[in-house]
Amino acid sequence: MLKSGIDQDALIEQFATASAKQTAQLKTAVTEATLKALQGREMSLKNIRSVIKSVTEAASTGAAQNLTPKLDVEKMLDTAVAGMDDALLKAVEANKMALSRLADQGADLKDKHFKKALADLEKFEDTLFSAVKKAAGSAGDGLTGPWTQVMEKFQQGGSASGAQATATVEQLTGQMQQALREGRATGLKAAQTLAESYTAMVSGVLIGMTEALSQGAAAPAPAAKPTRKR
């Protein structure tokens, strides 16, 4: 079943059949599924919320079906949230690259599109937590306790994507203020054009980042050159 661009049946199967030693594989599967879904749509909070909801529902359904003896369900669900957090971390990086491009083209802090992009970036962590909590609320009595523990831990420690989003907003705000103080020439028309298609641009950047990572992982290491004797 495809929901929000995610093959939920495949994710459910992975959680339902995972052993206690397969948490790393689960995290990777969740990250890849989340990234793939985010790449196929505009990077809006609404779409992020929809993707996180679908992944959470799949994790809950699969965990409930898993009959492995002495399985640590809480650890399994913790892995699911960590995987989604990793995917959002990549999304933050894509936003940073896109916003830097806007800044280079002459956008400033008064631009409504730029301001909204920064404001949305600051809401990534809240969006992650609220979407997971809402979807987990209908997971069933057997998973209520594990989900509660997982979310309490994440909210206390904070998410990696949330921390990076805050740092990115601070960095870009400082960058723009510095540019204004220096009186940098701006290409306002070009900046406005880019800003109006910002969310689509972020999705494109995210696709490029993911493809580059995949190609880098697949490329063979260069052969060592023989050392000449002197």
C-alpha atoms as a PDB file:
ATOM      1  CA  MET A   1       0.000   0.000   0.000  1.00  0.00           C
ATOM      2  CA  LEU A   2       1.413   3.373  -1.035  1.00  0.00           C
ATOM      3  CA  LYS A   3       0.604   6.235   1.269  1.00  0.00           C
ATOM      4  CA  SER A   4       2.223   9.664   1.076  1.00  0.00           C
ATOM      5  CA  GLY A   5       4.721   8.208  -1.377  1.00  0.00           C
ATOM      6  CA  ILE A   6       5.727   5.452   1.053  1.00  0.00           C
ATOM      7  CA  ASP A   7       5.425   1.704   0.538  1.00  0.00           C
ATOM      8  CA  GLN A   8       3.871   1.074   3.952  1.00  0.00           C
ATOM      9  CA  ASP A   9       3.510  -2.668   3.336  1.00  0.00           C
ATOM     10  CA  ALA A  10       7.277  -2.996   2.844  1.00  0.00           C
ATOM     11  CA  LEU A  11       8.002  -1.053   6.027  1.00  0.00           C
ATOM     12  CA  ILE A  12       5.418  -3.014   7.999  1.00  0.00           C
ATOM     13  CA  GLU A  13       7.022  -6.265   6.839  1.00  0.00           C
ATOM     14  CA  GLN A  14      10.472  -5.099   7.927  1.00  0.00           C
ATOM     15  CA  PHE A  15       9.271  -4.188  11.408  1.00  0.00           C
ATOM     16  CA  ALA A  16       7.177  -7.326  11.703  1.00  0.00           C
ATOM     17  CA  THR A  17      10.079  -9.652  10.876  1.00  0.00           C
ATOM     18  CA  ALA A  18      13.015  -7.757  12.402  1.00  0.00           C
ATOM     19  CA  SER A  19      15.093  -9.460  15.054  1.00  0.00           C
ATOM     20  CA  ALA A  20      16.628  -7.753  18.065  1.00  0.00           C
ATOM     21  CA  LYS A  21      19.915  -7.446  16.164  1.00  0.00           C
ATOM     22  CA  GLN A  22      18.463  -5.669  13.132  1.00  0.00           C
ATOM     23  CA  THR A  23      17.877  -2.198  14.538  1.00  0.00           C
ATOM     24  CA  ALA A  24      20.559  -0.663  12.295  1.00  0.00           C
ATOM     25  CA  GLN A  25      18.863  -2.057   9.187  1.00  0.00           C
ATOM     26  CA  LEU A  26      15.498  -0.773  10.393  1.00  0.00           C
ATOM     27  CA  LYS A  27      16.883   2.717  10.921  1.00  0.00           C
ATOM     28  CA  THR A  28      18.345   2.753   7.420  1.00  0.00           C
ATOM     29  CA  ALA A  29      15.079   1.518   5.930  1.00  0.00           C
ATOM     30  CA  VAL A  30      13.089   4.229   7.719  1.00  0.00           C
ATOM     31  CA  THR A  31      15.531   6.966   6.696  1.00  0.00           C
ATOM     32  CA  GLU A  32      15.514   5.899   3.048  1.00  0.00           C
ATOM     33  CA  ALA A  33      11.720   5.552   2.905  1.00  0.00           C
ATOM     34  CA  THR A  34      11.239   8.971   4.504  1.00  0.00           C
ATOM     35  CA  LEU A  35      13.762  10.646   2.208  1.00  0.00           C
ATOM     36  CA  LYS A  36      12.236   9.067  -0.893  1.00  0.00           C
ATOM     37  CA  ALA A  37       8.791  10.339   0.063  1.00  0.00           C
ATOM     38  CA  LEU A  38      10.075  13.842   0.819  1.00  0.00           C
ATOM     39  CA  GLN A  39      11.880  14.014  -2.515  1.00  0.00           C
ATOM     40  CA  GLY A  40       8.648  13.423  -4.386  1.00  0.00           C
ATOM     41  CA  ARG A  41       6.856  16.524  -3.100  1.00  0.00           C
ATOM     42  CA  GLU A  42       7.331  20.139  -2.137  1.00  0.00           C
ATOM     43  CA  MET A  43       9.148  20.572   1.163  1.00  0.00           C
ATOM     44  CA  SER A  44       6.261  22.015   3.154  1.00  0.00           C
ATOM     45  CA  LEU A  45       5.409  21.342   6.799  1.00  0.00           C
ATOM     46  CA  LYS A  46       2.125  19.796   5.675  1.00  0.00           C
ATOM     47  CA  ASN A  47       3.911  17.260   3.474  1.00  0.00           C
ATOM     48  CA  ILE A  48       6.525  16.509   6.125  1.00  0.00           C
ATOM     49  CA  ARG A  49       3.743  15.874   8.642  1.00  0.00           C
ATOM     50  CA  SER A  50       1.988  13.524   6.212  1.00  0.00           C
ATOM     51  CA  VAL A  51       5.152  11.513   5.532  1.00  0.00           C
ATOM     52  CA  ILE A  52       6.040  11.208   9.231  1.00  0.00           C
ATOM     53  CA  LYS A  53       2.501  10.056   9.992  1.00  0.00           C
ATOM     54  CA  SER A  54       2.679   7.299   7.377  1.00  0.00           C
ATOM     55  CA  VAL A  55       6.072   6.049   8.570  1.00  0.00           C
ATOM     56  CA  THR A  56       4.937   6.050  12.208  1.00  0.00           C
ATOM     57  CA  GLU A  57       1.804   4.091  11.365  1.00  0.00           C
ATOM     58  CA  ALA A  58       3.854   1.510   9.464  1.00  0.00           C
ATOM     59  CA  ALA A  59       6.309   1.152  12.355  1.00  0.00           C
ATOM     60  CA  SER A  60       3.468   0.694  14.835  1.00  0.00           C
ATOM     61  CA  THR A  61       1.651  -1.885  12.725  1.00  0.00           C
ATOM     62  CA  GLY A  62       4.811  -3.876  12.059  1.00  0.00           C
ATOM     63  CA  ALA A  63       5.957  -3.777  15.686  1.00  0.00           C
ATOM     64  CA  ALA A  64       2.560  -5.025  16.843  1.00  0.00           C
ATOM     65  CA  GLN A  65       2.816  -7.980  14.447  1.00  0.00           C
ATOM     66  CA  ASN A  66       6.358  -8.928  15.470  1.00  0.00           C
ATOM     67  CA  LEU A  67       6.347 -12.183  17.463  1.00  0.00           C
ATOM     68  CA  THR A  68      10.082 -12.400  18.151  1.00  0.00           C
ATOM     69  CA  PRO A  69      10.595 -13.614  21.761  1.00  0.00           C
ATOM     70  CA  LYS A  70      11.821 -10.960  24.225  1.00  0.00           C
ATOM     71  CA  LEU A  71      11.788  -8.298  21.521  1.00  0.00           C
ATOM     72  CA  ASP A  72      12.542  -4.784  22.829  1.00  0.00           C
ATOM     73  CA  VAL A  73       9.606  -2.944  21.258  1.00  0.00           C
ATOM     74  CA  GLU A  74      10.638   0.370  22.754  1.00  0.00           C
ATOM     75  CA  LYS A  75      14.067   0.088  21.121  1.00  0.00           C
ATOM     76  CA  MET A  76      12.423  -0.744  17.806  1.00  0.00           C
ATOM     77  CA  LEU A  77      10.191   2.323  17.943  1.00  0.00           C
ATOM     78  CA  ASP A  78      13.122   4.440  19.090  1.00  0.00           C
ATOM     79  CA  THR A  79      14.925   3.311  15.943  1.00  0.00           C
ATOM     80  CA  ALA A  80      11.980   4.414  13.817  1.00  0.00           C
ATOM     81  CA  VAL A  81      12.032   7.948  15.231  1.00  0.00           C
ATOM     82  CA  ALA A  82      15.820   8.113  14.881  1.00  0.00           C
ATOM     83  CA  GLY A  83      15.486   7.111  11.233  1.00  0.00           C
ATOM     84  CA  MET A  84      12.926   9.822  10.565  1.00  0.00           C
ATOM     85  CA  ASP A  85      15.123  12.329  12.394  1.00  0.00           C
ATOM     86  CA  ASP A  86      18.062  11.399  10.141  1.00  0.00           C
ATOM     87  CA  ALA A  87      15.910  11.992   7.067  1.00  0.00           C
ATOM     88  CA  LEU A  88      14.815  15.401   8.346  1.00  0.00           C
ATOM     89  CA  LEU A  89      18.446  16.233   9.050  1.00  0.00           C
ATOM     90  CA  LYS A  90      19.112  15.776   5.334  1.00  0.00           C
ATOM     91  CA  ALA A  91      16.083  17.961   4.624  1.00  0.00           C
ATOM     92  CA  VAL A  92      17.530  20.692   6.870  1.00  0.00           C
ATOM     93  CA  GLU A  93      20.798  20.520   4.926  1.00  0.00           C
ATOM     94  CA  ALA A  94      18.865  20.839   1.661  1.00  0.00           C
ATOM     95  CA  ASN A  95      17.019  23.878   3.034  1.00  0.00           C
ATOM     96  CA  LYS A  96      20.314  25.424   4.076  1.00  0.00           C
ATOM     97  CA  MET A  97      21.762  25.021   0.585  1.00  0.00           C
ATOM     98  CA  ALA A  98      18.635  26.444  -1.041  1.00  0.00           C
ATOM     99  CA  LEU A  99      18.436  29.397   1.351  1.00  0.00           C
ATOM    100  CA  SER A 100      22.109  30.175   0.815  1.00  0.00           C
ATOM    101  CA  ARG A 101      21.410  30.233  -2.903  1.00  0.00           C
ATOM    102  CA  LEU A 102      18.572  32.693  -2.336  1.00  0.00           C
ATOM    103  CA  ALA A 103      20.841  34.864  -0.206  1.00  0.00           C
ATOM    104  CA  ASP A 104      23.507  34.870  -2.919  1.00  0.00           C
ATOM    105  CA  GLN A 105      20.864  35.976  -5.436  1.00  0.00           C
ATOM    106  CA  GLY A 106      19.930  38.970  -3.306  1.00  0.00           C
ATOM    107  CA  ALA A 107      17.063  37.835  -1.083  1.00  0.00           C
ATOM    108  CA  ASP A 108      16.873  39.569   2.283  1.00  0.00           C
ATOM    109  CA  LEU A 109      15.190  39.035   5.634  1.00  0.00           C
ATOM    110  CA  LYS A 110      12.234  41.201   4.592  1.00  0.00           C
ATOM    111  CA  ASP A 111      11.302  38.874   1.731  1.00  0.00           C
ATOM    112  CA  LYS A 112       8.111  37.032   2.704  1.00  0.00           C
ATOM    113  CA  HIS A 113       9.216  33.766   1.103  1.00  0.00           C
ATOM    114  CA  PHE A 114      12.578  33.882   2.849  1.00  0.00           C
ATOM    115  CA  LYS A 115      10.967  34.704   6.197  1.00  0.00           C
ATOM    116  CA  LYS A 116       8.481  31.854   5.828  1.00  0.00           C
ATOM    117  CA  ALA A 117      11.241  29.409   4.897  1.00  0.00           C
ATOM    118  CA  LEU A 118      13.193  30.299   8.037  1.00  0.00           C
ATOM    119  CA  ALA A 119      10.061  30.118  10.193  1.00  0.00           C
ATOM    120  CA  ASP A 120       9.147  26.691   8.775  1.00  0.00           C
ATOM    121  CA  LEU A 121      12.686  25.449   9.343  1.00  0.00           C
ATOM    122  CA  GLU A 122      12.396  26.299  13.020  1.00  0.00           C
ATOM    123  CA  LYS A 123       9.237  24.170  13.185  1.00  0.00           C
ATOM    124  CA  PHE A 124      10.830  20.966  11.841  1.00  0.00           C
ATOM    125  CA  GLU A 125      11.345  19.448  15.288  1.00  0.00           C
ATOM    126  CA  ASP A 126       7.856  20.312  16.528  1.00  0.00           C
ATOM    127  CA  THR A 127       6.430  18.883  13.310  1.00  0.00           C
ATOM    128  CA  LEU A 128       8.364  15.642  13.799  1.00  0.00           C
ATOM    129  CA  PHE A 129       7.302  15.226  17.430  1.00  0.00           C
ATOM    130  CA  SER A 130       3.667  16.221  16.974  1.00  0.00           C
ATOM    131  CA  ALA A 131       3.183  14.013  13.898  1.00  0.00           C
ATOM    132  CA  VAL A 132       4.704  10.984  15.621  1.00  0.00           C
ATOM    133  CA  LYS A 133       2.697  11.522  18.814  1.00  0.00           C
ATOM    134  CA  LYS A 134      -0.554  11.923  16.918  1.00  0.00           C
ATOM    135  CA  ALA A 135      -0.002   8.817  14.791  1.00  0.00           C
ATOM    136  CA  ALA A 136       1.241   6.815  17.788  1.00  0.00           C
ATOM    137  CA  GLY A 137      -1.902   7.726  19.708  1.00  0.00           C
ATOM    138  CA  SER A 138      -3.920   5.313  17.605  1.00  0.00           C
ATOM    139  CA  ALA A 139      -1.338   2.508  17.712  1.00  0.00           C
ATOM    140  CA  GLY A 140      -3.193   0.403  20.276  1.00  0.00           C
ATOM    141  CA  ASP A 141      -2.879  -0.243  23.999  1.00  0.00           C
ATOM    142  CA  GLY A 142       0.105  -2.561  23.669  1.00  0.00           C
ATOM    143  CA  LEU A 143       2.234   0.183  22.129  1.00  0.00           C
ATOM    144  CA  THR A 144       1.067   3.169  24.180  1.00  0.00           C
ATOM    145  CA  GLY A 145       3.684   2.654  26.891  1.00  0.00           C
ATOM    146  CA  PRO A 146       6.668   2.112  24.534  1.00  0.00           C
ATOM    147  CA  TRP A 147       5.717   5.084  22.360  1.00  0.00           C
ATOM    148  CA  THR A 148       5.340   7.318  25.420  1.00  0.00           C
ATOM    149  CA  GLN A 149       8.816   6.372  26.656  1.00  0.00           C
ATOM    150  CA  VAL A 150      10.361   6.916  23.242  1.00  0.00           C
ATOM    151  CA  MET A 151       8.835  10.353  22.762  1.00  0.00           C
ATOM    152  CA  GLU A 152       9.679  11.504  26.287  1.00  0.00           C
ATOM    153  CA  LYS A 153      13.306  10.600  25.662  1.00  0.00           C
ATOM    154  CA  PHE A 154      13.460  12.398  22.325  1.00  0.00           C
ATOM    155  CA  GLN A 155      11.750  15.511  23.629  1.00  0.00           C
ATOM    156  CA  GLN A 156      14.100  15.716  26.591  1.00  0.00           C
ATOM    157  CA  GLY A 157      17.226  15.262  24.508  1.00  0.00           C
ATOM    158  CA  GLY A 158      16.024  17.051  21.393  1.00  0.00           C
ATOM    159  CA  SER A 159      16.350  15.877  17.814  1.00  0.00           C
ATOM    160  CA  ALA A 160      19.419  16.191  15.611  1.00  0.00           C
ATOM    161  CA  SER A 161      17.337  17.808  12.882  1.00  0.00           C
ATOM    162  CA  GLY A 162      15.901  20.350  15.325  1.00  0.00           C
ATOM    163  CA  ALA A 163      19.333  21.351  16.608  1.00  0.00           C
ATOM    164  CA  GLN A 164      20.670  21.695  13.069  1.00  0.00           C
ATOM    165  CA  ALA A 165      17.626  23.697  11.980  1.00  0.00           C
ATOM    166  CA  THR A 166      18.130  26.187  14.822  1.00  0.00           C
ATOM    167  CA  ALA A 167      21.818  26.552  13.970  1.00  0.00           C
ATOM    168  CA  THR A 168      20.975  27.038  10.290  1.00  0.00           C
ATOM    169  CA  VAL A 169      18.443  29.790  10.998  1.00  0.00           C
ATOM    170  CA  GLU A 170      20.935  31.603  13.213  1.00  0.00           C
ATOM    171  CA  GLN A 171      23.700  31.288  10.630  1.00  0.00           C
ATOM    172  CA  LEU A 172      21.590  32.465   7.702  1.00  0.00           C
ATOM    173  CA  THR A 173      20.105  35.354   9.677  1.00  0.00           C
ATOM    174  CA  GLY A 174      23.605  36.515  10.553  1.00  0.00           C
ATOM    175  CA  GLN A 175      24.706  36.084   6.941  1.00  0.00           C
ATOM    176  CA  MET A 176      21.847  38.239   5.673  1.00  0.00           C
ATOM    177  CA  GLN A 177      22.406  40.947   8.285  1.00  0.00           C
ATOM    178  CA  GLN A 178      26.098  41.076   7.396  1.00  0.00           C
ATOM    179  CA  ALA A 179      25.245  41.392   3.705  1.00  0.00           C
ATOM    180  CA  LEU A 180      22.934  44.331   4.448  1.00  0.00           C
ATOM    181  CA  ARG A 181      25.605  46.065   6.542  1.00  0.00           C
ATOM    182  CA  GLU A 182      28.094  45.659   3.711  1.00  0.00           C
ATOM    183  CA  GLY A 183      25.595  47.035   1.200  1.00  0.00           C
ATOM    184  CA  ARG A 184      25.966  44.041  -1.089  1.00  0.00           C
ATOM    185  CA  ALA A 185      24.412  44.517  -4.530  1.00  0.00           C
ATOM    186  CA  THR A 186      21.299  42.420  -4.947  1.00  0.00           C
ATOM    187  CA  GLY A 187      19.651  40.708  -7.861  1.00  0.00           C
ATOM    188  CA  LEU A 188      16.131  41.202  -6.542  1.00  0.00           C
ATOM    189  CA  LYS A 189      14.293  39.918  -9.583  1.00  0.00           C
ATOM    190  CA  ALA A 190      16.305  36.683  -9.642  1.00  0.00           C
ATOM    191  CA  ALA A 191      15.885  36.287  -5.900  1.00  0.00           C
ATOM    192  CA  GLN A 192      12.132  36.783  -6.126  1.00  0.00           C
ATOM    193  CA  THR A 193      11.843  34.156  -8.868  1.00  0.00           C
ATOM    194  CA  LEU A 194      13.792  31.630  -6.819  1.00  0.00           C
ATOM    195  CA  ALA A 195      11.902  32.434  -3.634  1.00  0.00           C
ATOM    196  CA  GLU A 196       8.524  31.786  -5.237  1.00  0.00           C
ATOM    197  CA  SER A 197       9.574  28.245  -6.155  1.00  0.00           C
ATOM    198  CA  TYR A 198      11.522  27.668  -2.940  1.00  0.00           C
ATOM    199  CA  THR A 199       9.854  24.489  -1.647  1.00  0.00           C
ATOM    200  CA  ALA A 200      10.214  22.773  -5.004  1.00  0.00           C
ATOM    201  CA  MET A 201      13.839  23.875  -5.164  1.00  0.00           C
ATOM    202  CA  VAL A 202      14.579  22.304  -1.756  1.00  0.00           C
ATOM    203  CA  SER A 203      13.145  18.993  -2.941  1.00  0.00           C
ATOM    204  CA  GLY A 204      15.431  19.160  -5.976  1.00  0.00           C
ATOM    205  CA  VAL A 205      18.451  19.906  -3.793  1.00  0.00           C
ATOM    206  CA  LEU A 206      17.565  16.967  -1.553  1.00  0.00           C
ATOM    207  CA  ILE A 207      17.403  14.639  -4.563  1.00  0.00           C
ATOM    208  CA  GLY A 208      20.812  15.837  -5.714  1.00  0.00           C
ATOM    209  CA  MET A 209      22.313  15.358  -2.253  1.00  0.00           C
ATOM    210  CA  THR A 210      20.957  11.815  -1.970  1.00  0.00           C
ATOM    211  CA  GLU A 211      22.141  10.853  -5.445  1.00  0.00           C
ATOM    212  CA  ALA A 212      25.606  12.211  -4.706  1.00  0.00           C
ATOM    213  CA  LEU A 213      25.794  10.205  -1.496  1.00  0.00           C
ATOM    214  CA  SER A 214      24.676   7.046  -3.307  1.00  0.00           C
ATOM    215  CA  GLN A 215      27.254   7.509  -6.053  1.00  0.00           C
ATOM    216  CA  GLY A 216      29.966   8.166  -3.507  1.00  0.00           C
ATOM    217  CA  ALA A 217      29.120   4.998  -1.610  1.00  0.00           C
ATOM    218  CA  ALA A 218      29.142   2.916  -4.790  1.00  0.00           C
ATOM    219  CA  ALA A 219      32.400   4.303  -6.204  1.00  0.00           C
ATOM    220  CA  PRO A 220      35.387   1.977  -5.732  1.00  0.00           C
ATOM    221  CA  ALA A 221      38.325   3.282  -3.761  1.00  0.00           C
ATOM    222  CA  PRO A 222      41.232   4.444  -5.987  1.00  0.00           C
ATOM    223  CA  ALA A 223      44.159   2.080  -6.213  1.00  0.00           C
ATOM    224  CA  ALA A 224      47.208   3.093  -4.221  1.00  0.00           C
ATOM    225  CA  LYS A 225      50.072   4.383  -6.334  1.00  0.00           C
ATOM    226  CA  PRO A 226      53.378   2.512  -5.989  1.00  0.00           C
ATOM    227  CA  THR A 227      56.028   4.383  -4.068  1.00  0.00           C
ATOM    228  CA  ARG A 228      59.135   5.167  -6.062  1.00  0.00           C
ATOM    229  CA  LYS A 229      62.425   4.279  -4.490  1.00  0.00           C
ATOM    230  CA  ARG A 230      64.850   7.122  -4.302  1.00  0.00           C
END
